Amino acid sequence: MDGEMVGFAAVVMTLGIPIAGLYTYYRVRRLRSEERLAAIARGVNVPMEPELSQVARSRRSGILCVAGALGYMATFFMIARVEPDAWVAASFGAIPFAIGLGFFVDAFLVRRDAHAA
C-alpha cells in the first residue's frame, strides 16, 4: 500500500502544482482587471503600467536564471566539501546558467536589431 500511495502522491503533485500555479496567475490577473474597471467606473484616474520591452524581459530573465544557477551551484559546492557526491548535483546548475546566458544574448541581439532599424 505504501508504494501505491507514493506513486499517487507523485502524480497528484506533478499535475497539481502547475495547475494550481496557472489558476493562481489567472485569478490574480482577473482580480486586477476587476479592480481597475471598478476604479474607472468610479471616475478614478488609474495609471496604466507600462509594458516591459522585449530587451528588458530578456535581461530580467537572464539575471534571474544566472543568479538562481549561481546560488544553486554555490549551495552544492558547499555541501560537496562534506559529501563528495554533491559535485554531480552542482554540475546541473550549468543548465539554468546556460539558459540565462542565452537570455542575455537575446537581449543584446534584440537591442542591436532595434538600433539598426
N, C-alpha and C. Protein backbone atom coordinates (compact mmCIF):
# COMPACT_ATOMS: atom_id res chain seq x y z
N MET A 1 0.82 -1.19 0.00
CA MET A 1 0.00 0.00 0.00
C MET A 1 0.86 1.25 0.00
N ASP A 2 2.03 1.20 0.63
CA ASP A 2 2.87 2.39 0.70
C ASP A 2 3.35 2.81 -0.69
N GLY A 3 3.77 1.85 -1.50
CA GLY A 3 4.25 2.16 -2.84
C GLY A 3 3.17 2.77 -3.71
N GLU A 4 1.94 2.29 -3.56
CA GLU A 4 0.83 2.84 -4.34
C GLU A 4 0.54 4.28 -3.93
N MET A 5 0.63 4.54 -2.64
CA MET A 5 0.33 5.88 -2.16
C MET A 5 1.41 6.87 -2.60
N VAL A 6 2.66 6.44 -2.62
CA VAL A 6 3.75 7.31 -3.05
C VAL A 6 3.59 7.65 -4.53
N GLY A 7 3.26 6.66 -5.34
CA GLY A 7 3.04 6.91 -6.75
C GLY A 7 1.87 7.84 -7.00
N PHE A 8 0.79 7.64 -6.25
CA PHE A 8 -0.38 8.52 -6.37
C PHE A 8 -0.03 9.95 -5.98
N ALA A 9 0.71 10.09 -4.88
CA ALA A 9 1.11 11.43 -4.43
C ALA A 9 2.02 12.10 -5.46
N ALA A 10 2.91 11.33 -6.08
CA ALA A 10 3.80 11.90 -7.09
C ALA A 10 3.01 12.40 -8.29
N VAL A 11 2.04 11.64 -8.73
CA VAL A 11 1.23 12.06 -9.88
C VAL A 11 0.40 13.29 -9.52
N VAL A 12 -0.21 13.29 -8.35
CA VAL A 12 -1.02 14.43 -7.93
C VAL A 12 -0.16 15.69 -7.82
N MET A 13 1.01 15.57 -7.23
CA MET A 13 1.90 16.73 -7.09
C MET A 13 2.41 17.20 -8.45
N THR A 14 2.77 16.27 -9.31
CA THR A 14 3.30 16.63 -10.63
C THR A 14 2.27 17.37 -11.46
N LEU A 15 1.03 16.94 -11.39
CA LEU A 15 -0.02 17.59 -12.17
C LEU A 15 -0.68 18.73 -11.40
N GLY A 16 -0.77 18.62 -10.11
CA GLY A 16 -1.50 19.60 -9.31
C GLY A 16 -0.78 20.92 -9.13
N ILE A 17 0.52 20.88 -8.93
CA ILE A 17 1.25 22.12 -8.68
C ILE A 17 1.22 23.06 -9.89
N PRO A 18 1.50 22.59 -11.11
CA PRO A 18 1.40 23.52 -12.25
C PRO A 18 -0.02 24.04 -12.48
N ILE A 19 -1.01 23.18 -12.29
CA ILE A 19 -2.40 23.62 -12.47
C ILE A 19 -2.75 24.67 -11.42
N ALA A 20 -2.31 24.49 -10.19
CA ALA A 20 -2.57 25.47 -9.14
C ALA A 20 -1.87 26.79 -9.46
N GLY A 21 -0.67 26.73 -10.01
CA GLY A 21 0.04 27.95 -10.39
C GLY A 21 -0.67 28.69 -11.51
N LEU A 22 -1.14 27.96 -12.51
CA LEU A 22 -1.88 28.60 -13.60
C LEU A 22 -3.17 29.23 -13.10
N TYR A 23 -3.89 28.53 -12.24
CA TYR A 23 -5.13 29.08 -11.70
C TYR A 23 -4.86 30.34 -10.89
N THR A 24 -3.81 30.32 -10.08
CA THR A 24 -3.47 31.49 -9.28
C THR A 24 -3.12 32.68 -10.17
N TYR A 25 -2.35 32.44 -11.21
CA TYR A 25 -1.98 33.50 -12.15
C TYR A 25 -3.24 34.09 -12.79
N TYR A 26 -4.14 33.22 -13.25
CA TYR A 26 -5.38 33.66 -13.86
C TYR A 26 -6.21 34.47 -12.88
N ARG A 27 -6.33 33.99 -11.66
CA ARG A 27 -7.16 34.65 -10.65
C ARG A 27 -6.62 36.03 -10.30
N VAL A 28 -5.31 36.14 -10.16
CA VAL A 28 -4.70 37.44 -9.82
C VAL A 28 -4.93 38.43 -10.95
N ARG A 29 -4.74 38.00 -12.21
CA ARG A 29 -4.98 38.90 -13.34
C ARG A 29 -6.44 39.33 -13.40
N ARG A 30 -7.34 38.42 -13.13
CA ARG A 30 -8.76 38.75 -13.17
C ARG A 30 -9.12 39.75 -12.07
N LEU A 31 -8.59 39.54 -10.86
CA LEU A 31 -8.85 40.47 -9.78
C LEU A 31 -8.29 41.86 -10.07
N ARG A 32 -7.11 41.92 -10.64
CA ARG A 32 -6.53 43.22 -11.01
C ARG A 32 -7.39 43.92 -12.06
N SER A 33 -7.86 43.17 -13.04
CA SER A 33 -8.71 43.77 -14.07
C SER A 33 -10.01 44.28 -13.47
N GLU A 34 -10.64 43.49 -12.61
CA GLU A 34 -11.88 43.92 -11.97
C GLU A 34 -11.65 45.16 -11.11
N GLU A 35 -10.54 45.19 -10.40
CA GLU A 35 -10.23 46.35 -9.57
C GLU A 35 -10.04 47.60 -10.44
N ARG A 36 -9.33 47.45 -11.52
CA ARG A 36 -9.09 48.58 -12.43
C ARG A 36 -10.40 49.06 -13.04
N LEU A 37 -11.28 48.14 -13.48
CA LEU A 37 -12.56 48.52 -14.06
C LEU A 37 -13.46 49.21 -13.03
N ALA A 38 -13.44 48.74 -11.79
CA ALA A 38 -14.24 49.37 -10.74
C ALA A 38 -13.74 50.78 -10.46
N ALA A 39 -12.44 50.98 -10.45
CA ALA A 39 -11.88 52.31 -10.21
C ALA A 39 -12.24 53.25 -11.36
N ILE A 40 -12.17 52.74 -12.59
CA ILE A 40 -12.52 53.56 -13.75
C ILE A 40 -14.00 53.93 -13.70
N ALA A 41 -14.86 53.00 -13.28
CA ALA A 41 -16.30 53.26 -13.19
C ALA A 41 -16.61 54.35 -12.16
N ARG A 42 -15.78 54.42 -11.11
CA ARG A 42 -15.98 55.45 -10.09
C ARG A 42 -15.35 56.79 -10.50
N GLY A 43 -14.65 56.80 -11.62
CA GLY A 43 -14.05 58.05 -12.10
C GLY A 43 -12.65 58.30 -11.59
N VAL A 44 -12.01 57.30 -11.01
CA VAL A 44 -10.65 57.46 -10.51
C VAL A 44 -9.69 57.30 -11.67
N ASN A 45 -8.71 58.16 -11.74
CA ASN A 45 -7.69 58.07 -12.78
C ASN A 45 -6.73 56.94 -12.43
N VAL A 46 -6.72 55.90 -13.22
CA VAL A 46 -5.88 54.72 -12.97
C VAL A 46 -4.71 54.75 -13.94
N PRO A 47 -3.50 54.91 -13.41
CA PRO A 47 -2.35 54.91 -14.32
C PRO A 47 -2.09 53.52 -14.88
N MET A 48 -1.83 53.46 -16.15
CA MET A 48 -1.53 52.17 -16.79
C MET A 48 -0.06 51.86 -16.57
N GLU A 49 0.22 50.63 -16.21
CA GLU A 49 1.60 50.20 -16.03
C GLU A 49 2.21 49.95 -17.40
N PRO A 50 3.36 50.54 -17.66
CA PRO A 50 3.95 50.34 -18.98
C PRO A 50 4.44 48.90 -19.14
N GLU A 51 4.25 48.37 -20.35
CA GLU A 51 4.75 47.03 -20.66
C GLU A 51 6.26 47.08 -20.79
N LEU A 52 6.91 46.05 -20.31
CA LEU A 52 8.37 45.97 -20.47
C LEU A 52 8.69 45.64 -21.92
N SER A 53 9.77 46.19 -22.40
CA SER A 53 10.20 45.87 -23.75
C SER A 53 10.76 44.45 -23.79
N GLN A 54 10.93 43.94 -24.99
CA GLN A 54 11.47 42.59 -25.12
C GLN A 54 12.89 42.52 -24.57
N VAL A 55 13.65 43.60 -24.75
CA VAL A 55 15.01 43.63 -24.22
C VAL A 55 14.97 43.54 -22.69
N ALA A 56 14.09 44.31 -22.07
CA ALA A 56 14.01 44.30 -20.61
C ALA A 56 13.55 42.95 -20.08
N ARG A 57 12.59 42.32 -20.77
CA ARG A 57 12.13 40.99 -20.32
C ARG A 57 13.25 39.96 -20.44
N SER A 58 13.99 39.99 -21.56
CA SER A 58 15.08 39.03 -21.72
C SER A 58 16.18 39.28 -20.70
N ARG A 59 16.49 40.56 -20.45
CA ARG A 59 17.53 40.88 -19.48
C ARG A 59 17.11 40.43 -18.08
N ARG A 60 15.84 40.66 -17.71
CA ARG A 60 15.35 40.24 -16.40
C ARG A 60 15.41 38.73 -16.26
N SER A 61 14.97 38.01 -17.28
CA SER A 61 15.01 36.55 -17.24
C SER A 61 16.44 36.05 -17.14
N GLY A 62 17.35 36.69 -17.87
CA GLY A 62 18.76 36.31 -17.81
C GLY A 62 19.34 36.50 -16.42
N ILE A 63 19.04 37.63 -15.81
CA ILE A 63 19.54 37.91 -14.46
C ILE A 63 19.01 36.87 -13.48
N LEU A 64 17.72 36.57 -13.57
CA LEU A 64 17.13 35.61 -12.64
C LEU A 64 17.70 34.21 -12.83
N CYS A 65 17.85 33.77 -14.09
CA CYS A 65 18.39 32.43 -14.34
C CYS A 65 19.84 32.31 -13.90
N VAL A 66 20.65 33.30 -14.23
CA VAL A 66 22.07 33.24 -13.85
C VAL A 66 22.21 33.31 -12.33
N ALA A 67 21.47 34.21 -11.68
CA ALA A 67 21.56 34.32 -10.22
C ALA A 67 21.08 33.03 -9.55
N GLY A 68 19.99 32.47 -10.04
CA GLY A 68 19.50 31.21 -9.48
C GLY A 68 20.50 30.07 -9.67
N ALA A 69 21.11 30.02 -10.85
CA ALA A 69 22.09 28.96 -11.12
C ALA A 69 23.31 29.11 -10.22
N LEU A 70 23.78 30.34 -10.06
CA LEU A 70 24.96 30.55 -9.21
C LEU A 70 24.65 30.20 -7.75
N GLY A 71 23.45 30.55 -7.28
CA GLY A 71 23.07 30.19 -5.91
C GLY A 71 22.95 28.68 -5.73
N TYR A 72 22.35 28.03 -6.72
CA TYR A 72 22.20 26.56 -6.69
C TYR A 72 23.58 25.90 -6.67
N MET A 73 24.45 26.36 -7.57
CA MET A 73 25.78 25.76 -7.64
C MET A 73 26.60 26.04 -6.38
N ALA A 74 26.50 27.24 -5.83
CA ALA A 74 27.23 27.57 -4.60
C ALA A 74 26.75 26.70 -3.44
N THR A 75 25.46 26.47 -3.37
CA THR A 75 24.92 25.62 -2.31
C THR A 75 25.51 24.22 -2.38
N PHE A 76 25.51 23.63 -3.58
CA PHE A 76 26.04 22.27 -3.70
C PHE A 76 27.56 22.22 -3.63
N PHE A 77 28.23 23.31 -3.95
CA PHE A 77 29.68 23.34 -3.76
C PHE A 77 30.01 23.29 -2.27
N MET A 78 29.21 23.99 -1.46
CA MET A 78 29.44 23.95 -0.01
C MET A 78 29.10 22.57 0.55
N ILE A 79 28.04 21.96 0.05
CA ILE A 79 27.68 20.62 0.50
C ILE A 79 28.75 19.62 0.07
N ALA A 80 29.34 19.85 -1.11
CA ALA A 80 30.35 18.92 -1.64
C ALA A 80 31.62 18.89 -0.79
N ARG A 81 31.84 19.90 0.02
CA ARG A 81 33.00 19.88 0.91
C ARG A 81 32.87 18.76 1.94
N VAL A 82 31.62 18.40 2.27
CA VAL A 82 31.35 17.35 3.24
C VAL A 82 31.00 16.04 2.55
N GLU A 83 30.20 16.14 1.51
CA GLU A 83 29.71 14.97 0.77
C GLU A 83 30.19 15.06 -0.68
N PRO A 84 31.19 14.29 -1.07
CA PRO A 84 31.76 14.42 -2.41
C PRO A 84 30.79 14.14 -3.56
N ASP A 85 29.75 13.36 -3.32
CA ASP A 85 28.80 13.07 -4.39
C ASP A 85 27.97 14.29 -4.79
N ALA A 86 28.00 15.34 -4.02
CA ALA A 86 27.22 16.54 -4.34
C ALA A 86 27.78 17.29 -5.54
N TRP A 87 29.01 16.97 -5.97
CA TRP A 87 29.57 17.62 -7.17
C TRP A 87 28.70 17.34 -8.39
N VAL A 88 28.11 16.16 -8.43
CA VAL A 88 27.24 15.82 -9.56
C VAL A 88 26.02 16.74 -9.58
N ALA A 89 25.41 16.96 -8.42
CA ALA A 89 24.25 17.84 -8.35
C ALA A 89 24.64 19.27 -8.69
N ALA A 90 25.82 19.70 -8.27
CA ALA A 90 26.27 21.06 -8.55
C ALA A 90 26.44 21.29 -10.04
N SER A 91 26.82 20.25 -10.76
CA SER A 91 27.04 20.42 -12.20
C SER A 91 25.73 20.67 -12.95
N PHE A 92 24.60 20.28 -12.38
CA PHE A 92 23.31 20.55 -13.03
C PHE A 92 22.96 22.04 -13.01
N GLY A 93 23.67 22.83 -12.23
CA GLY A 93 23.48 24.28 -12.25
C GLY A 93 23.90 24.91 -13.56
N ALA A 94 24.65 24.16 -14.37
CA ALA A 94 25.07 24.69 -15.67
C ALA A 94 23.89 24.87 -16.62
N ILE A 95 22.82 24.13 -16.41
CA ILE A 95 21.65 24.23 -17.31
C ILE A 95 20.97 25.60 -17.18
N PRO A 96 20.52 26.01 -15.98
CA PRO A 96 19.91 27.35 -15.91
C PRO A 96 20.91 28.46 -16.18
N PHE A 97 22.19 28.22 -15.89
CA PHE A 97 23.22 29.22 -16.19
C PHE A 97 23.30 29.45 -17.70
N ALA A 98 23.30 28.37 -18.48
CA ALA A 98 23.35 28.50 -19.94
C ALA A 98 22.08 29.15 -20.47
N ILE A 99 20.94 28.83 -19.89
CA ILE A 99 19.68 29.46 -20.31
C ILE A 99 19.74 30.96 -20.03
N GLY A 100 20.25 31.34 -18.87
CA GLY A 100 20.39 32.76 -18.53
C GLY A 100 21.32 33.48 -19.49
N LEU A 101 22.43 32.84 -19.85
CA LEU A 101 23.33 33.45 -20.83
C LEU A 101 22.62 33.61 -22.18
N GLY A 102 21.79 32.64 -22.53
CA GLY A 102 21.02 32.75 -23.77
C GLY A 102 20.07 33.94 -23.74
N PHE A 103 19.45 34.20 -22.59
CA PHE A 103 18.59 35.37 -22.46
C PHE A 103 19.39 36.66 -22.62
N PHE A 104 20.61 36.69 -22.05
CA PHE A 104 21.46 37.88 -22.22
C PHE A 104 21.82 38.10 -23.68
N VAL A 105 22.15 37.03 -24.39
CA VAL A 105 22.46 37.13 -25.82
C VAL A 105 21.24 37.62 -26.58
N ASP A 106 20.05 37.09 -26.23
CA ASP A 106 18.82 37.53 -26.88
C ASP A 106 18.58 39.02 -26.65
N ALA A 107 18.77 39.49 -25.43
CA ALA A 107 18.58 40.92 -25.14
C ALA A 107 19.55 41.76 -25.96
N PHE A 108 20.80 41.32 -26.06
CA PHE A 108 21.80 42.05 -26.83
C PHE A 108 21.41 42.10 -28.31
N LEU A 109 20.99 40.96 -28.85
CA LEU A 109 20.65 40.91 -30.28
C LEU A 109 19.39 41.73 -30.59
N VAL A 110 18.39 41.69 -29.72
CA VAL A 110 17.19 42.49 -29.95
C VAL A 110 17.51 43.97 -29.88
N ARG A 111 18.33 44.37 -28.94
CA ARG A 111 18.72 45.77 -28.83
C ARG A 111 19.50 46.22 -30.04
N ARG A 112 20.41 45.35 -30.52
CA ARG A 112 21.21 45.68 -31.70
C ARG A 112 20.32 45.81 -32.93
N ASP A 113 19.35 44.92 -33.08
CA ASP A 113 18.43 44.98 -34.21
C ASP A 113 17.55 46.23 -34.13
N ALA A 114 17.17 46.65 -32.93
CA ALA A 114 16.34 47.84 -32.78
C ALA A 114 17.12 49.11 -33.17
N HIS A 115 18.41 49.13 -32.85
CA HIS A 115 19.23 50.28 -33.21
C HIS A 115 19.55 50.31 -34.69
N ALA A 116 19.63 49.14 -35.31
CA ALA A 116 19.94 49.06 -36.74
C ALA A 116 18.75 49.47 -37.60
N ALA A 117 17.54 49.27 -37.09
CA ALA A 117 16.34 49.58 -37.88
C ALA A 117 16.00 51.05 -37.87
